[in-house]
Amino acid sequence: MNIIVEEGDKTIVLHSPDTDEDIELDEVTTINYSNLYGEAVTISALLNKVGMWKAEYERKAKEAKLYCDVFVSQLKKKYRREALKNHGQVSVDGEAVKLTEKGLDEIILLNEEYQKAVLDQIELESKRDKLDSLFWAIRSKDQKLNNLLPKVVPKEFFQELVEGKINSFIIHKPKQ
């Protein structure tokens, strides 16, 4: 992914790989004082990138919850129908058991496929929450940068900008 940033009459290109990438958390959550202008030009793009990842995991977590809810409903329907046919009895591990609401909840909780689905949901929620934490850390960094950097004219900004990798982006500026 390339992001073009116009600063006055100069163009700055931010390059981020579209492939899987490792992001060093300390690097993206702390301020690189040797390249404050690089931080300023990349922080919004980083905030957007992490926000998109967070939204994707929010969607995945909701889908996993929906899957679990539907799975529970289907199991309840199955066991209630079986109980209707067998005078209130259902077969659990080869034994006939009288079906109660509490017993139905226990049957579902002990279902291995349901347990796996819930563990998958927990894993997705954990990843979503970690991305949420990272998002707010980067947001805090963004606010601190806004307070740190003085108002500069585009020419000064371009002169102070250092090429290289910062906030998971590679900065390229055209030759003067």
Protein backbone atom coordinates (compact mmCIF):
# COMPACT_ATOMS: atom_id res chain seq x y z
CA MET A 1 0.00 0.00 0.00
CA ASN A 2 1.37 3.41 -0.96
CA ILE A 3 0.04 6.58 0.61
CA ILE A 4 0.85 9.89 -1.05
CA VAL A 5 1.16 12.92 1.24
CA GLU A 6 1.36 16.37 -0.32
CA GLU A 7 3.34 18.94 1.68
CA GLY A 8 3.25 22.24 -0.17
CA ASP A 9 4.81 21.60 -3.56
CA LYS A 10 6.56 18.42 -2.36
CA THR A 11 5.26 14.86 -2.44
CA ILE A 12 6.06 12.32 0.26
CA VAL A 13 5.41 8.64 -0.43
CA LEU A 14 4.65 6.30 2.47
CA HIS A 15 5.06 2.65 1.58
CA SER A 16 3.63 -0.18 3.65
CA PRO A 17 3.81 -3.78 2.46
CA ASP A 18 0.50 -5.41 1.55
CA THR A 19 1.79 -8.73 2.87
CA ASP A 20 1.84 -10.02 6.41
CA GLU A 21 4.01 -7.84 8.56
CA ASP A 22 5.55 -7.85 11.99
CA ILE A 23 4.97 -4.64 13.88
CA GLU A 24 7.22 -3.91 16.82
CA LEU A 25 4.82 -2.61 19.48
CA ASP A 26 7.41 -0.48 21.25
CA GLU A 27 8.33 1.13 17.92
CA VAL A 28 4.80 2.18 17.04
CA THR A 29 3.74 3.28 20.51
CA THR A 30 6.77 5.38 21.44
CA ILE A 31 7.85 8.64 19.85
CA ASN A 32 11.02 8.67 17.75
CA TYR A 33 12.39 12.11 18.67
CA SER A 34 15.06 11.95 15.97
CA ASN A 35 12.34 12.01 13.30
CA LEU A 36 9.36 13.88 14.72
CA TYR A 37 8.23 14.93 11.27
CA GLY A 38 8.33 11.31 10.08
CA GLU A 39 6.20 10.43 13.09
CA ALA A 40 3.75 13.20 12.22
CA VAL A 41 3.39 12.16 8.60
CA THR A 42 2.87 8.43 9.35
CA ILE A 43 0.85 8.39 12.57
CA SER A 44 -2.54 8.98 10.91
CA ALA A 45 -1.92 6.18 8.40
CA LEU A 46 -0.89 3.85 11.24
CA LEU A 47 -3.96 4.79 13.26
CA ASN A 48 -6.12 4.03 10.23
CA LYS A 49 -4.38 0.69 9.59
CA VAL A 50 -4.84 -0.48 13.18
CA GLY A 51 -8.42 0.82 13.22
CA MET A 52 -9.21 -1.29 10.14
CA TRP A 53 -7.68 -4.38 11.73
CA LYS A 54 -9.67 -3.72 14.88
CA ALA A 55 -12.91 -3.39 12.89
CA GLU A 56 -12.16 -6.67 11.08
CA TYR A 57 -11.70 -8.53 14.37
CA GLU A 58 -14.84 -6.92 15.78
CA ARG A 59 -16.71 -8.38 12.79
CA LYS A 60 -15.08 -11.80 13.24
CA ALA A 61 -15.92 -11.83 16.98
CA LYS A 62 -19.57 -10.97 16.26
CA GLU A 63 -19.75 -13.69 13.62
CA ALA A 64 -18.29 -16.20 16.09
CA LYS A 65 -20.86 -15.18 18.72
CA LEU A 66 -23.65 -15.55 16.19
CA TYR A 67 -22.35 -19.01 15.26
CA CYS A 68 -22.37 -20.04 18.95
CA ASP A 69 -25.87 -18.67 19.50
CA VAL A 70 -27.23 -20.48 16.44
CA PHE A 71 -25.44 -23.69 17.43
CA VAL A 72 -27.02 -23.55 20.91
CA SER A 73 -30.46 -22.92 19.43
CA GLN A 74 -30.11 -25.87 17.04
CA LEU A 75 -29.00 -28.19 19.84
CA LYS A 76 -31.88 -27.10 22.08
CA LYS A 77 -34.32 -27.67 19.24
CA LYS A 78 -32.85 -31.14 18.58
CA TYR A 79 -33.03 -32.25 22.21
CA ARG A 80 -36.51 -30.81 22.81
CA ARG A 81 -37.83 -32.66 19.76
CA GLU A 82 -36.21 -35.86 21.00
CA ALA A 83 -37.77 -35.33 24.43
CA LEU A 84 -41.21 -34.84 22.85
CA LYS A 85 -40.92 -38.15 21.01
CA ASN A 86 -39.60 -40.05 24.04
CA HIS A 87 -41.90 -38.87 26.87
CA GLY A 88 -39.48 -36.24 28.20
CA GLN A 89 -36.38 -38.43 27.90
CA VAL A 90 -33.23 -37.80 25.81
CA SER A 91 -30.22 -39.99 25.18
CA VAL A 92 -26.94 -38.64 26.59
CA ASP A 93 -23.85 -40.84 26.28
CA GLY A 94 -26.10 -43.89 25.81
CA GLU A 95 -28.21 -43.16 28.89
CA ALA A 96 -31.85 -42.02 28.97
CA VAL A 97 -32.10 -38.77 30.93
CA LYS A 98 -35.17 -36.68 31.78
CA LEU A 99 -34.81 -33.35 30.00
CA THR A 100 -34.97 -30.19 32.16
CA GLU A 101 -33.84 -26.66 31.31
CA LYS A 102 -30.83 -27.00 33.60
CA GLY A 103 -30.05 -30.42 32.15
CA LEU A 104 -30.36 -29.03 28.62
CA ASP A 105 -27.85 -26.27 29.47
CA GLU A 106 -25.44 -28.89 30.82
CA ILE A 107 -25.81 -31.07 27.70
CA ILE A 108 -24.94 -28.07 25.53
CA LEU A 109 -22.02 -27.01 27.73
CA LEU A 110 -20.52 -30.49 27.53
CA ASN A 111 -20.84 -30.63 23.73
CA GLU A 112 -17.28 -30.68 22.33
CA GLU A 113 -18.17 -28.82 19.14
CA TYR A 114 -19.82 -26.07 21.19
CA GLN A 115 -16.76 -25.84 23.46
CA LYS A 116 -14.49 -25.46 20.44
CA ALA A 117 -16.72 -22.73 18.98
CA VAL A 118 -16.70 -20.82 22.27
CA LEU A 119 -12.91 -21.11 22.56
CA ASP A 120 -12.59 -19.77 18.99
CA GLN A 121 -14.86 -16.88 19.94
CA ILE A 122 -12.77 -16.13 23.03
CA GLU A 123 -9.58 -16.13 20.91
CA LEU A 124 -11.09 -13.66 18.42
CA GLU A 125 -12.32 -11.41 21.22
CA SER A 126 -8.86 -11.47 22.79
CA LYS A 127 -7.24 -10.40 19.51
CA ARG A 128 -9.86 -7.69 19.06
CA ASP A 129 -9.21 -6.38 22.56
CA LYS A 130 -5.45 -6.33 21.99
CA LEU A 131 -5.95 -4.35 18.78
CA ASP A 132 -8.25 -1.99 20.67
CA SER A 133 -5.52 -1.42 23.26
CA LEU A 134 -2.96 -0.79 20.50
CA PHE A 135 -5.37 1.60 18.77
CA TRP A 136 -5.74 3.71 21.92
CA ALA A 137 -1.97 3.70 22.55
CA ILE A 138 -1.36 4.98 19.02
CA ARG A 139 -4.16 7.53 19.45
CA SER A 140 -2.41 8.79 22.58
CA LYS A 141 0.86 9.04 20.64
CA ASP A 142 -0.95 11.03 17.93
CA GLN A 143 -2.25 13.52 20.49
CA LYS A 144 1.19 13.91 22.06
CA LEU A 145 2.73 14.54 18.63
CA ASN A 146 0.14 17.24 17.95
CA ASN A 147 1.22 18.97 21.16
CA LEU A 148 4.95 18.46 20.55
CA LEU A 149 5.29 19.70 17.01
CA PRO A 150 5.23 23.42 16.36
CA LYS A 151 3.29 24.83 13.46
CA VAL A 152 5.72 24.72 10.54
CA VAL A 153 5.57 25.77 6.93
CA PRO A 154 5.77 22.98 4.31
CA LYS A 155 9.36 23.85 3.32
CA GLU A 156 10.61 23.44 6.91
CA PHE A 157 8.62 20.27 7.29
CA PHE A 158 10.13 18.73 4.16
CA GLN A 159 13.67 19.69 5.22
CA GLU A 160 13.30 18.15 8.68
CA LEU A 161 11.75 14.89 7.44
CA VAL A 162 14.13 11.91 7.56
CA GLU A 163 13.68 9.04 5.09
CA GLY A 164 13.45 5.52 6.48
CA LYS A 165 11.09 3.18 8.27
CA ILE A 166 8.86 4.63 10.93
CA ASN A 167 5.53 3.41 12.33
CA SER A 168 5.65 0.40 9.97
CA PHE A 169 5.87 2.69 6.92
CA ILE A 170 8.87 3.44 4.73
CA ILE A 171 9.20 7.15 3.94
CA HIS A 172 10.53 8.23 0.54
CA LYS A 173 10.84 11.88 -0.38
CA PRO A 174 11.75 13.06 -3.86
CA LYS A 175 15.22 14.45 -4.53
CA GLN A 176 15.35 18.21 -4.40
